[in-house]
Amino acid sequence: MKKACCALFLLLLCAGAFCLSEVRMADAARSPSDITVIMYMTDWCPYCVKARQYINSLGVRLVEYNVEREPDKARERTMKSGGRKGVPVIDVEGIIIPGYSPEAIKAAVEQRRNR
């Protein structure tokens, strides 16, 4: 009986340690508001409007650069996107997404939350 109680105690102790490590791993994920997304855009682009709405719905910080008004940002966009000159180009902390793709944006934000 004594051995059974000791075994049960050890089992519960190990289970508690496992649960605690899972909680710590969950706490390690960054808050969406800690993630910065840069969008290179224009005023007339309908996909930029959709991207803005979607990115804002994720709760991340959004920084927008109008490539028609800011030539240095247009060059930066072209360099980051491998020569692409269209808009939007979205930069999720180094993950570059050319065009509007909600799936790609969400995946990039999740990847950055969990790094």
PDB file of N, CA and C in Angstrom:
ATOM      1  N   MET A   1       0.821  -1.187   0.000  1.00  0.00           N
ATOM      2  CA  MET A   1       0.000   0.000   0.000  1.00  0.00           C
ATOM      3  C   MET A   1       0.873   1.261   0.000  1.00  0.00           C
ATOM      4  N   LYS A   2       1.942   1.202   0.785  1.00  0.00           N
ATOM      5  CA  LYS A   2       2.841   2.341   0.877  1.00  0.00           C
ATOM      6  C   LYS A   2       3.495   2.618  -0.484  1.00  0.00           C
ATOM      7  N   LYS A   3       3.879   1.540  -1.193  1.00  0.00           N
ATOM      8  CA  LYS A   3       4.491   1.699  -2.517  1.00  0.00           C
ATOM      9  C   LYS A   3       3.491   2.288  -3.506  1.00  0.00           C
ATOM     10  N   ALA A   4       2.246   1.871  -3.411  1.00  0.00           N
ATOM     11  CA  ALA A   4       1.207   2.381  -4.309  1.00  0.00           C
ATOM     12  C   ALA A   4       0.985   3.873  -4.069  1.00  0.00           C
ATOM     13  N   CYS A   5       0.966   4.285  -2.824  1.00  0.00           N
ATOM     14  CA  CYS A   5       0.793   5.703  -2.495  1.00  0.00           C
ATOM     15  C   CYS A   5       1.978   6.529  -3.002  1.00  0.00           C
ATOM     16  N   CYS A   6       3.175   5.998  -2.840  1.00  0.00           N
ATOM     17  CA  CYS A   6       4.377   6.698  -3.334  1.00  0.00           C
ATOM     18  C   CYS A   6       4.341   6.815  -4.852  1.00  0.00           C
ATOM     19  N   ALA A   7       3.946   5.750  -5.518  1.00  0.00           N
ATOM     20  CA  ALA A   7       3.864   5.761  -6.979  1.00  0.00           C
ATOM     21  C   ALA A   7       2.820   6.772  -7.443  1.00  0.00           C
ATOM     22  N   LEU A   8       1.671   6.792  -6.779  1.00  0.00           N
ATOM     23  CA  LEU A   8       0.618   7.744  -7.123  1.00  0.00           C
ATOM     24  C   LEU A   8       1.098   9.175  -6.896  1.00  0.00           C
ATOM     25  N   PHE A   9       1.787   9.410  -5.795  1.00  0.00           N
ATOM     26  CA  PHE A   9       2.329  10.736  -5.502  1.00  0.00           C
ATOM     27  C   PHE A   9       3.302  11.185  -6.594  1.00  0.00           C
ATOM     28  N   LEU A  10       4.213  10.292  -6.988  1.00  0.00           N
ATOM     29  CA  LEU A  10       5.184  10.620  -8.043  1.00  0.00           C
ATOM     30  C   LEU A  10       4.487  10.887  -9.370  1.00  0.00           C
ATOM     31  N   LEU A  11       3.465  10.106  -9.679  1.00  0.00           N
ATOM     32  CA  LEU A  11       2.714  10.301 -10.916  1.00  0.00           C
ATOM     33  C   LEU A  11       2.050  11.675 -10.926  1.00  0.00           C
ATOM     34  N   LEU A  12       1.417  12.037  -9.831  1.00  0.00           N
ATOM     35  CA  LEU A  12       0.771  13.350  -9.738  1.00  0.00           C
ATOM     36  C   LEU A  12       1.792  14.479  -9.796  1.00  0.00           C
ATOM     37  N   LEU A  13       2.930  14.285  -9.176  1.00  0.00           N
ATOM     38  CA  LEU A  13       3.991  15.288  -9.199  1.00  0.00           C
ATOM     39  C   LEU A  13       4.488  15.514 -10.626  1.00  0.00           C
ATOM     40  N   CYS A  14       4.706  14.439 -11.360  1.00  0.00           N
ATOM     41  CA  CYS A  14       5.163  14.540 -12.755  1.00  0.00           C
ATOM     42  C   CYS A  14       4.101  15.199 -13.625  1.00  0.00           C
ATOM     43  N   ALA A  15       2.846  14.836 -13.421  1.00  0.00           N
ATOM     44  CA  ALA A  15       1.757  15.432 -14.199  1.00  0.00           C
ATOM     45  C   ALA A  15       1.681  16.929 -13.946  1.00  0.00           C
ATOM     46  N   GLY A  16       1.853  17.337 -12.702  1.00  0.00           N
ATOM     47  CA  GLY A  16       1.839  18.759 -12.366  1.00  0.00           C
ATOM     48  C   GLY A  16       2.986  19.507 -13.017  1.00  0.00           C
ATOM     49  N   ALA A  17       4.155  18.913 -13.028  1.00  0.00           N
ATOM     50  CA  ALA A  17       5.319  19.545 -13.663  1.00  0.00           C
ATOM     51  C   ALA A  17       5.095  19.682 -15.159  1.00  0.00           C
ATOM     52  N   PHE A  18       4.488  18.672 -15.776  1.00  0.00           N
ATOM     53  CA  PHE A  18       4.208  18.723 -17.215  1.00  0.00           C
ATOM     54  C   PHE A  18       3.225  19.851 -17.516  1.00  0.00           C
ATOM     55  N   CYS A  19       2.158  19.948 -16.728  1.00  0.00           N
ATOM     56  CA  CYS A  19       1.164  21.002 -16.935  1.00  0.00           C
ATOM     57  C   CYS A  19       1.786  22.380 -16.756  1.00  0.00           C
ATOM     58  N   LEU A  20       2.646  22.539 -15.779  1.00  0.00           N
ATOM     59  CA  LEU A  20       3.301  23.813 -15.534  1.00  0.00           C
ATOM     60  C   LEU A  20       4.178  24.205 -16.716  1.00  0.00           C
ATOM     61  N   SER A  21       4.887  23.239 -17.307  1.00  0.00           N
ATOM     62  CA  SER A  21       5.729  23.562 -18.460  1.00  0.00           C
ATOM     63  C   SER A  21       4.869  23.964 -19.651  1.00  0.00           C
ATOM     64  N   GLU A  22       3.691  23.362 -19.815  1.00  0.00           N
ATOM     65  CA  GLU A  22       2.783  23.741 -20.897  1.00  0.00           C
ATOM     66  C   GLU A  22       2.289  25.170 -20.708  1.00  0.00           C
ATOM     67  N   VAL A  23       1.981  25.553 -19.486  1.00  0.00           N
ATOM     68  CA  VAL A  23       1.531  26.911 -19.197  1.00  0.00           C
ATOM     69  C   VAL A  23       2.641  27.901 -19.508  1.00  0.00           C
ATOM     70  N   ARG A  24       3.874  27.578 -19.119  1.00  0.00           N
ATOM     71  CA  ARG A  24       5.000  28.479 -19.397  1.00  0.00           C
ATOM     72  C   ARG A  24       5.217  28.636 -20.894  1.00  0.00           C
ATOM     73  N   MET A  25       5.060  27.555 -21.676  1.00  0.00           N
ATOM     74  CA  MET A  25       5.226  27.654 -23.124  1.00  0.00           C
ATOM     75  C   MET A  25       4.129  28.526 -23.717  1.00  0.00           C
ATOM     76  N   ALA A  26       2.906  28.410 -23.209  1.00  0.00           N
ATOM     77  CA  ALA A  26       1.814  29.240 -23.712  1.00  0.00           C
ATOM     78  C   ALA A  26       2.069  30.706 -23.385  1.00  0.00           C
ATOM     79  N   ASP A  27       2.620  30.980 -22.201  1.00  0.00           N
ATOM     80  CA  ASP A  27       2.926  32.351 -21.820  1.00  0.00           C
ATOM     81  C   ASP A  27       4.037  32.944 -22.684  1.00  0.00           C
ATOM     82  N   ALA A  28       4.865  32.112 -23.281  1.00  0.00           N
ATOM     83  CA  ALA A  28       5.987  32.588 -24.078  1.00  0.00           C
ATOM     84  C   ALA A  28       5.534  33.214 -25.390  1.00  0.00           C
ATOM     85  N   ALA A  29       4.326  32.902 -25.857  1.00  0.00           N
ATOM     86  CA  ALA A  29       3.822  33.485 -27.099  1.00  0.00           C
ATOM     87  C   ALA A  29       3.654  34.990 -26.905  1.00  0.00           C
ATOM     88  N   ARG A  30       4.075  35.741 -27.909  1.00  0.00           N
ATOM     89  CA  ARG A  30       3.976  37.195 -27.838  1.00  0.00           C
ATOM     90  C   ARG A  30       2.533  37.637 -28.062  1.00  0.00           C
ATOM     91  N   SER A  31       2.194  38.746 -27.499  1.00  0.00           N
ATOM     92  CA  SER A  31       0.888  39.356 -27.731  1.00  0.00           C
ATOM     93  C   SER A  31       0.868  39.924 -29.148  1.00  0.00           C
ATOM     94  N   PRO A  32      -0.283  39.881 -29.843  1.00  0.00           N
ATOM     95  CA  PRO A  32      -0.341  40.477 -31.179  1.00  0.00           C
ATOM     96  C   PRO A  32       0.092  41.943 -31.182  1.00  0.00           C
ATOM     97  N   SER A  33      -0.220  42.675 -30.115  1.00  0.00           N
ATOM     98  CA  SER A  33       0.138  44.097 -30.081  1.00  0.00           C
ATOM     99  C   SER A  33       1.644  44.329 -29.993  1.00  0.00           C
ATOM    100  N   ASP A  34       2.414  43.272 -29.727  1.00  0.00           N
ATOM    101  CA  ASP A  34       3.876  43.374 -29.706  1.00  0.00           C
ATOM    102  C   ASP A  34       4.488  43.184 -31.089  1.00  0.00           C
ATOM    103  N   ILE A  35       3.668  42.861 -32.065  1.00  0.00           N
ATOM    104  CA  ILE A  35       4.151  42.571 -33.420  1.00  0.00           C
ATOM    105  C   ILE A  35       3.888  43.781 -34.307  1.00  0.00           C
ATOM    106  N   THR A  36       4.896  44.172 -35.084  1.00  0.00           N
ATOM    107  CA  THR A  36       4.758  45.298 -36.004  1.00  0.00           C
ATOM    108  C   THR A  36       4.706  44.783 -37.434  1.00  0.00           C
ATOM    109  N   VAL A  37       3.689  45.241 -38.151  1.00  0.00           N
ATOM    110  CA  VAL A  37       3.519  44.901 -39.560  1.00  0.00           C
ATOM    111  C   VAL A  37       3.688  46.187 -40.359  1.00  0.00           C
ATOM    112  N   ILE A  38       4.532  46.134 -41.382  1.00  0.00           N
ATOM    113  CA  ILE A  38       4.728  47.274 -42.278  1.00  0.00           C
ATOM    114  C   ILE A  38       4.010  46.960 -43.577  1.00  0.00           C
ATOM    115  N   MET A  39       3.228  47.927 -44.064  1.00  0.00           N
ATOM    116  CA  MET A  39       2.569  47.749 -45.355  1.00  0.00           C
ATOM    117  C   MET A  39       2.962  48.893 -46.285  1.00  0.00           C
ATOM    118  N   TYR A  40       3.515  48.526 -47.424  1.00  0.00           N
ATOM    119  CA  TYR A  40       3.824  49.479 -48.486  1.00  0.00           C
ATOM    120  C   TYR A  40       2.577  49.536 -49.354  1.00  0.00           C
ATOM    121  N   MET A  41       2.024  50.739 -49.529  1.00  0.00           N
ATOM    122  CA  MET A  41       0.710  50.866 -50.139  1.00  0.00           C
ATOM    123  C   MET A  41       0.583  52.147 -50.951  1.00  0.00           C
ATOM    124  N   THR A  42      -0.591  52.308 -51.586  1.00  0.00           N
ATOM    125  CA  THR A  42      -0.986  53.563 -52.223  1.00  0.00           C
ATOM    126  C   THR A  42      -2.408  53.877 -51.768  1.00  0.00           C
ATOM    127  N   ASP A  43      -2.824  55.127 -51.990  1.00  0.00           N
ATOM    128  CA  ASP A  43      -4.176  55.529 -51.589  1.00  0.00           C
ATOM    129  C   ASP A  43      -5.259  54.891 -52.455  1.00  0.00           C
ATOM    130  N   TRP A  44      -4.960  54.631 -53.713  1.00  0.00           N
ATOM    131  CA  TRP A  44      -5.982  54.166 -54.653  1.00  0.00           C
ATOM    132  C   TRP A  44      -6.109  52.644 -54.732  1.00  0.00           C
ATOM    133  N   CYS A  45      -5.289  51.907 -54.042  1.00  0.00           N
ATOM    134  CA  CYS A  45      -5.239  50.445 -54.153  1.00  0.00           C
ATOM    135  C   CYS A  45      -6.341  49.781 -53.310  1.00  0.00           C
ATOM    136  N   PRO A  46      -7.318  49.102 -53.951  1.00  0.00           N
ATOM    137  CA  PRO A  46      -8.383  48.448 -53.176  1.00  0.00           C
ATOM    138  C   PRO A  46      -7.868  47.285 -52.324  1.00  0.00           C
ATOM    139  N   TYR A  47      -6.825  46.605 -52.778  1.00  0.00           N
ATOM    140  CA  TYR A  47      -6.270  45.503 -51.984  1.00  0.00           C
ATOM    141  C   TYR A  47      -5.537  46.019 -50.750  1.00  0.00           C
ATOM    142  N   CYS A  48      -5.009  47.228 -50.849  1.00  0.00           N
ATOM    143  CA  CYS A  48      -4.371  47.842 -49.679  1.00  0.00           C
ATOM    144  C   CYS A  48      -5.414  48.139 -48.604  1.00  0.00           C
ATOM    145  N   VAL A  49      -6.597  48.584 -49.032  1.00  0.00           N
ATOM    146  CA  VAL A  49      -7.686  48.851 -48.086  1.00  0.00           C
ATOM    147  C   VAL A  49      -8.095  47.555 -47.394  1.00  0.00           C
ATOM    148  N   LYS A  50      -8.256  46.485 -48.177  1.00  0.00           N
ATOM    149  CA  LYS A  50      -8.620  45.183 -47.598  1.00  0.00           C
ATOM    150  C   LYS A  50      -7.538  44.690 -46.640  1.00  0.00           C
ATOM    151  N   ALA A  51      -6.280  44.842 -47.051  1.00  0.00           N
ATOM    152  CA  ALA A  51      -5.165  44.399 -46.207  1.00  0.00           C
ATOM    153  C   ALA A  51      -5.147  45.184 -44.902  1.00  0.00           C
ATOM    154  N   ARG A  52      -5.354  46.494 -44.980  1.00  0.00           N
ATOM    155  CA  ARG A  52      -5.371  47.337 -43.776  1.00  0.00           C
ATOM    156  C   ARG A  52      -6.453  46.854 -42.804  1.00  0.00           C
ATOM    157  N   GLN A  53      -7.649  46.624 -43.331  1.00  0.00           N
ATOM    158  CA  GLN A  53      -8.751  46.173 -42.472  1.00  0.00           C
ATOM    159  C   GLN A  53      -8.424  44.827 -41.829  1.00  0.00           C
ATOM    160  N   TYR A  54      -7.883  43.923 -42.624  1.00  0.00           N
ATOM    161  CA  TYR A  54      -7.576  42.593 -42.095  1.00  0.00           C
ATOM    162  C   TYR A  54      -6.461  42.655 -41.053  1.00  0.00           C
ATOM    163  N   ILE A  55      -5.399  43.376 -41.362  1.00  0.00           N
ATOM    164  CA  ILE A  55      -4.266  43.485 -40.431  1.00  0.00           C
ATOM    165  C   ILE A  55      -4.723  44.126 -39.118  1.00  0.00           C
ATOM    166  N   ASN A  56      -5.532  45.177 -39.211  1.00  0.00           N
ATOM    167  CA  ASN A  56      -6.040  45.816 -37.992  1.00  0.00           C
ATOM    168  C   ASN A  56      -6.904  44.860 -37.171  1.00  0.00           C
ATOM    169  N   SER A  57      -7.623  43.962 -37.840  1.00  0.00           N
ATOM    170  CA  SER A  57      -8.474  43.006 -37.113  1.00  0.00           C
ATOM    171  C   SER A  57      -7.645  42.002 -36.306  1.00  0.00           C
ATOM    172  N   LEU A  58      -6.373  41.846 -36.663  1.00  0.00           N
ATOM    173  CA  LEU A  58      -5.494  40.915 -35.948  1.00  0.00           C
ATOM    174  C   LEU A  58      -4.934  41.512 -34.654  1.00  0.00           C
ATOM    175  N   GLY A  59      -5.078  42.819 -34.487  1.00  0.00           N
ATOM    176  CA  GLY A  59      -4.613  43.456 -33.256  1.00  0.00           C
ATOM    177  C   GLY A  59      -3.131  43.772 -33.220  1.00  0.00           C
ATOM    178  N   VAL A  60      -2.457  43.705 -34.362  1.00  0.00           N
ATOM    179  CA  VAL A  60      -1.028  44.022 -34.425  1.00  0.00           C
ATOM    180  C   VAL A  60      -0.849  45.512 -34.705  1.00  0.00           C
ATOM    181  N   ARG A  61       0.389  46.004 -34.503  1.00  0.00           N
ATOM    182  CA  ARG A  61       0.696  47.393 -34.863  1.00  0.00           C
ATOM    183  C   ARG A  61       0.908  47.447 -36.365  1.00  0.00           C
ATOM    184  N   LEU A  62       0.282  48.405 -37.007  1.00  0.00           N
ATOM    185  CA  LEU A  62       0.420  48.563 -38.454  1.00  0.00           C
ATOM    186  C   LEU A  62       1.076  49.897 -38.756  1.00  0.00           C
ATOM    187  N   VAL A  63       2.152  49.836 -39.537  1.00  0.00           N
ATOM    188  CA  VAL A  63       2.832  51.032 -40.032  1.00  0.00           C
ATOM    189  C   VAL A  63       2.652  51.021 -41.542  1.00  0.00           C
ATOM    190  N   GLU A  64       2.148  52.128 -42.093  1.00  0.00           N
ATOM    191  CA  GLU A  64       1.907  52.205 -43.536  1.00  0.00           C
ATOM    192  C   GLU A  64       2.841  53.221 -44.177  1.00  0.00           C
ATOM    193  N   TYR A  65       3.371  52.831 -45.331  1.00  0.00           N
ATOM    194  CA  TYR A  65       4.185  53.740 -46.129  1.00  0.00           C
ATOM    195  C   TYR A  65       3.559  53.857 -47.508  1.00  0.00           C
ATOM    196  N   ASN A  66       3.231  55.089 -47.894  1.00  0.00           N
ATOM    197  CA  ASN A  66       2.675  55.346 -49.217  1.00  0.00           C
ATOM    198  C   ASN A  66       3.838  55.489 -50.194  1.00  0.00           C
ATOM    199  N   VAL A  67       3.974  54.522 -51.083  1.00  0.00           N
ATOM    200  CA  VAL A  67       5.137  54.482 -51.974  1.00  0.00           C
ATOM    201  C   VAL A  67       5.102  55.570 -53.041  1.00  0.00           C
ATOM    202  N   GLU A  68       3.950  56.203 -53.253  1.00  0.00           N
ATOM    203  CA  GLU A  68       3.883  57.311 -54.210  1.00  0.00           C
ATOM    204  C   GLU A  68       4.350  58.620 -53.584  1.00  0.00           C
ATOM    205  N   ARG A  69       4.203  58.739 -52.293  1.00  0.00           N
ATOM    206  CA  ARG A  69       4.613  59.962 -51.600  1.00  0.00           C
ATOM    207  C   ARG A  69       6.005  59.867 -50.999  1.00  0.00           C
ATOM    208  N   GLU A  70       6.486  58.647 -50.809  1.00  0.00           N
ATOM    209  CA  GLU A  70       7.778  58.436 -50.146  1.00  0.00           C
ATOM    210  C   GLU A  70       8.685  57.580 -51.035  1.00  0.00           C
ATOM    211  N   PRO A  71       9.443  58.233 -51.937  1.00  0.00           N
ATOM    212  CA  PRO A  71      10.287  57.482 -52.876  1.00  0.00           C
ATOM    213  C   PRO A  71      11.288  56.547 -52.201  1.00  0.00           C
ATOM    214  N   ASP A  72      11.811  56.942 -51.044  1.00  0.00           N
ATOM    215  CA  ASP A  72      12.758  56.059 -50.352  1.00  0.00           C
ATOM    216  C   ASP A  72      12.059  54.784 -49.879  1.00  0.00           C
ATOM    217  N   LYS A  73      10.797  54.890 -49.501  1.00  0.00           N
ATOM    218  CA  LYS A  73      10.034  53.706 -49.087  1.00  0.00           C
ATOM    219  C   LYS A  73       9.658  52.851 -50.298  1.00  0.00           C
ATOM    220  N   ALA A  74       9.484  53.483 -51.454  1.00  0.00           N
ATOM    221  CA  ALA A  74       9.232  52.720 -52.682  1.00  0.00           C
ATOM    222  C   ALA A  74      10.454  51.869 -53.019  1.00  0.00           C
ATOM    223  N   ARG A  75      11.640  52.440 -52.876  1.00  0.00           N
ATOM    224  CA  ARG A  75      12.869  51.676 -53.124  1.00  0.00           C
ATOM    225  C   ARG A  75      13.024  50.552 -52.097  1.00  0.00           C
ATOM    226  N   GLU A  76      12.707  50.861 -50.845  1.00  0.00           N
ATOM    227  CA  GLU A  76      12.782  49.852 -49.780  1.00  0.00           C
ATOM    228  C   GLU A  76      11.837  48.688 -50.088  1.00  0.00           C
ATOM    229  N   ARG A  77      10.612  49.003 -50.515  1.00  0.00           N
ATOM    230  CA  ARG A  77       9.631  47.980 -50.881  1.00  0.00           C
ATOM    231  C   ARG A  77      10.145  47.101 -52.010  1.00  0.00           C
ATOM    232  N   THR A  78      10.698  47.738 -53.033  1.00  0.00           N
ATOM    233  CA  THR A  78      11.208  46.997 -54.185  1.00  0.00           C
ATOM    234  C   THR A  78      12.354  46.084 -53.779  1.00  0.00           C
ATOM    235  N   MET A  79      13.223  46.563 -52.908  1.00  0.00           N
ATOM    236  CA  MET A  79      14.347  45.758 -52.442  1.00  0.00           C
ATOM    237  C   MET A  79      13.861  44.571 -51.601  1.00  0.00           C
ATOM    238  N   LYS A  80      12.960  44.832 -50.660  1.00  0.00           N
ATOM    239  CA  LYS A  80      12.461  43.767 -49.787  1.00  0.00           C
ATOM    240  C   LYS A  80      11.693  42.698 -50.555  1.00  0.00           C
ATOM    241  N   SER A  81      11.005  43.119 -51.614  1.00  0.00           N
ATOM    242  CA  SER A  81      10.130  42.183 -52.331  1.00  0.00           C
ATOM    243  C   SER A  81      10.808  41.524 -53.522  1.00  0.00           C
ATOM    244  N   GLY A  82      12.109  41.674 -53.626  1.00  0.00           N
ATOM    245  CA  GLY A  82      12.828  41.024 -54.719  1.00  0.00           C
ATOM    246  C   GLY A  82      12.552  41.636 -56.081  1.00  0.00           C
ATOM    247  N   GLY A  83      12.336  42.954 -56.118  1.00  0.00           N
ATOM    248  CA  GLY A  83      12.130  43.650 -57.383  1.00  0.00           C
ATOM    249  C   GLY A  83      10.673  43.936 -57.708  1.00  0.00           C
ATOM    250  N   ARG A  84       9.768  43.457 -56.903  1.00  0.00           N
ATOM    251  CA  ARG A  84       8.337  43.670 -57.158  1.00  0.00           C
ATOM    252  C   ARG A  84       7.997  45.139 -56.934  1.00  0.00           C
ATOM    253  N   LYS A  85       7.208  45.696 -57.854  1.00  0.00           N
ATOM    254  CA  LYS A  85       6.850  47.106 -57.734  1.00  0.00           C
ATOM    255  C   LYS A  85       5.376  47.322 -57.432  1.00  0.00           C
ATOM    256  N   GLY A  86       4.610  46.255 -57.302  1.00  0.00           N
ATOM    257  CA  GLY A  86       3.185  46.374 -57.002  1.00  0.00           C
ATOM    258  C   GLY A  86       2.935  46.622 -55.528  1.00  0.00           C
ATOM    259  N   VAL A  87       1.677  46.870 -55.216  1.00  0.00           N
ATOM    260  CA  VAL A  87       1.236  47.036 -53.834  1.00  0.00           C
ATOM    261  C   VAL A  87      -0.016  46.195 -53.633  1.00  0.00           C
ATOM    262  N   PRO A  88      -0.281  45.795 -52.426  1.00  0.00           N
ATOM    263  CA  PRO A  88       0.535  46.001 -51.238  1.00  0.00           C
ATOM    264  C   PRO A  88       1.692  45.019 -51.156  1.00  0.00           C
ATOM    265  N   VAL A  89       2.713  45.422 -50.454  1.00  0.00           N
ATOM    266  CA  VAL A  89       3.775  44.521 -50.008  1.00  0.00           C
ATOM    267  C   VAL A  89       3.760  44.632 -48.488  1.00  0.00           C
ATOM    268  N   ILE A  90       3.649  43.489 -47.837  1.00  0.00           N
ATOM    269  CA  ILE A  90       3.480  43.449 -46.389  1.00  0.00           C
ATOM    270  C   ILE A  90       4.695  42.776 -45.762  1.00  0.00           C
ATOM    271  N   ASP A  91       5.236  43.418 -44.739  1.00  0.00           N
ATOM    272  CA  ASP A  91       6.422  42.928 -44.032  1.00  0.00           C
ATOM    273  C   ASP A  91       6.034  42.656 -42.581  1.00  0.00           C
ATOM    274  N   VAL A  92       5.938  41.374 -42.246  1.00  0.00           N
ATOM    275  CA  VAL A  92       5.621  40.975 -40.871  1.00  0.00           C
ATOM    276  C   VAL A  92       6.942  40.596 -40.197  1.00  0.00           C
ATOM    277  N   GLU A  93       7.620  41.611 -39.692  1.00  0.00           N
ATOM    278  CA  GLU A  93       8.907  41.432 -39.006  1.00  0.00           C
ATOM    279  C   GLU A  93       9.849  40.523 -39.790  1.00  0.00           C
ATOM    280  N   GLY A  94      10.026  40.867 -41.071  1.00  0.00           N
ATOM    281  CA  GLY A  94      10.977  40.144 -41.908  1.00  0.00           C
ATOM    282  C   GLY A  94      10.370  39.098 -42.819  1.00  0.00           C
ATOM    283  N   ILE A  95       9.124  38.741 -42.606  1.00  0.00           N
ATOM    284  CA  ILE A  95       8.426  37.828 -43.519  1.00  0.00           C
ATOM    285  C   ILE A  95       7.713  38.704 -44.540  1.00  0.00           C
ATOM    286  N   ILE A  96       8.140  38.621 -45.794  1.00  0.00           N
ATOM    287  CA  ILE A  96       7.627  39.492 -46.844  1.00  0.00           C
ATOM    288  C   ILE A  96       6.496  38.792 -47.588  1.00  0.00           C
ATOM    289  N   ILE A  97       5.377  39.501 -47.717  1.00  0.00           N
ATOM    290  CA  ILE A  97       4.202  38.970 -48.411  1.00  0.00           C
ATOM    291  C   ILE A  97       3.844  39.942 -49.529  1.00  0.00           C
ATOM    292  N   PRO A  98       4.091  39.555 -50.783  1.00  0.00           N
ATOM    293  CA  PRO A  98       3.680  40.414 -51.892  1.00  0.00           C
ATOM    294  C   PRO A  98       2.195  40.200 -52.174  1.00  0.00           C
ATOM    295  N   GLY A  99       1.444  41.292 -52.273  1.00  0.00           N
ATOM    296  CA  GLY A  99       0.014  41.176 -52.542  1.00  0.00           C
ATOM    297  C   GLY A  99      -0.783  40.964 -51.271  1.00  0.00           C
ATOM    298  N   TYR A 100      -2.095  40.804 -51.458  1.00  0.00           N
ATOM    299  CA  TYR A 100      -3.004  40.629 -50.324  1.00  0.00           C
ATOM    300  C   TYR A 100      -3.381  39.165 -50.201  1.00  0.00           C
ATOM    301  N   SER A 101      -2.945  38.534 -49.135  1.00  0.00           N
ATOM    302  CA  SER A 101      -3.271  37.138 -48.851  1.00  0.00           C
ATOM    303  C   SER A 101      -3.542  37.012 -47.354  1.00  0.00           C
ATOM    304  N   PRO A 102      -4.826  37.009 -46.963  1.00  0.00           N
ATOM    305  CA  PRO A 102      -5.135  36.899 -45.533  1.00  0.00           C
ATOM    306  C   PRO A 102      -4.494  35.671 -44.888  1.00  0.00           C
ATOM    307  N   GLU A 103      -4.467  34.563 -45.615  1.00  0.00           N
ATOM    308  CA  GLU A 103      -3.883  33.333 -45.065  1.00  0.00           C
ATOM    309  C   GLU A 103      -2.399  33.517 -44.774  1.00  0.00           C
ATOM    310  N   ALA A 104      -1.679  34.122 -45.712  1.00  0.00           N
ATOM    311  CA  ALA A 104      -0.238  34.334 -45.534  1.00  0.00           C
ATOM    312  C   ALA A 104       0.035  35.334 -44.413  1.00  0.00           C
ATOM    313  N   ILE A 105      -0.789  36.367 -44.328  1.00  0.00           N
ATOM    314  CA  ILE A 105      -0.611  37.367 -43.270  1.00  0.00           C
ATOM    315  C   ILE A 105      -0.822  36.722 -41.906  1.00  0.00           C
ATOM    316  N   LYS A 106      -1.912  35.970 -41.770  1.00  0.00           N
ATOM    317  CA  LYS A 106      -2.209  35.319 -40.489  1.00  0.00           C
ATOM    318  C   LYS A 106      -1.106  34.338 -40.102  1.00  0.00           C
ATOM    319  N   ALA A 107      -0.630  33.559 -41.076  1.00  0.00           N
ATOM    320  CA  ALA A 107       0.435  32.587 -40.799  1.00  0.00           C
ATOM    321  C   ALA A 107       1.713  33.296 -40.350  1.00  0.00           C
ATOM    322  N   ALA A 108       2.044  34.414 -40.995  1.00  0.00           N
ATOM    323  CA  ALA A 108       3.254  35.158 -40.627  1.00  0.00           C
ATOM    324  C   ALA A 108       3.132  35.746 -39.221  1.00  0.00           C
ATOM    325  N   VAL A 109       1.968  36.287 -38.900  1.00  0.00           N
ATOM    326  CA  VAL A 109       1.755  36.844 -37.557  1.00  0.00           C
ATOM    327  C   VAL A 109       1.859  35.734 -36.515  1.00  0.00           C
ATOM    328  N   GLU A 110       1.247  34.589 -36.778  1.00  0.00           N
ATOM    329  CA  GLU A 110       1.324  33.467 -35.831  1.00  0.00           C
ATOM    330  C   GLU A 110       2.762  32.988 -35.655  1.00  0.00           C
ATOM    331  N   GLN A 111       3.502  32.948 -36.765  1.00  0.00           N
ATOM    332  CA  GLN A 111       4.904  32.527 -36.682  1.00  0.00           C
ATOM    333  C   GLN A 111       5.698  33.490 -35.802  1.00  0.00           C
ATOM    334  N   ARG A 112       5.465  34.775 -35.964  1.00  0.00           N
ATOM    335  CA  ARG A 112       6.185  35.767 -35.161  1.00  0.00           C
ATOM    336  C   ARG A 112       5.725  35.759 -33.706  1.00  0.00           C
ATOM    337  N   ARG A 113       4.469  35.417 -33.460  1.00  0.00           N
ATOM    338  CA  ARG A 113       3.979  35.334 -32.074  1.00  0.00           C
ATOM    339  C   ARG A 113       4.673  34.206 -31.328  1.00  0.00           C
ATOM    340  N   ASN A 114       4.984  33.136 -32.022  1.00  0.00           N
ATOM    341  CA  ASN A 114       5.491  31.926 -31.371  1.00  0.00           C
ATOM    342  C   ASN A 114       6.996  31.756 -31.457  1.00  0.00           C
ATOM    343  N   ARG A 115       7.714  32.750 -31.918  1.00  0.00           N
ATOM    344  CA  ARG A 115       9.172  32.566 -32.004  1.00  0.00           C
ATOM    345  C   ARG A 115       9.856  32.842 -30.718  1.00  0.00           C
TER     346      ARG A 115
END
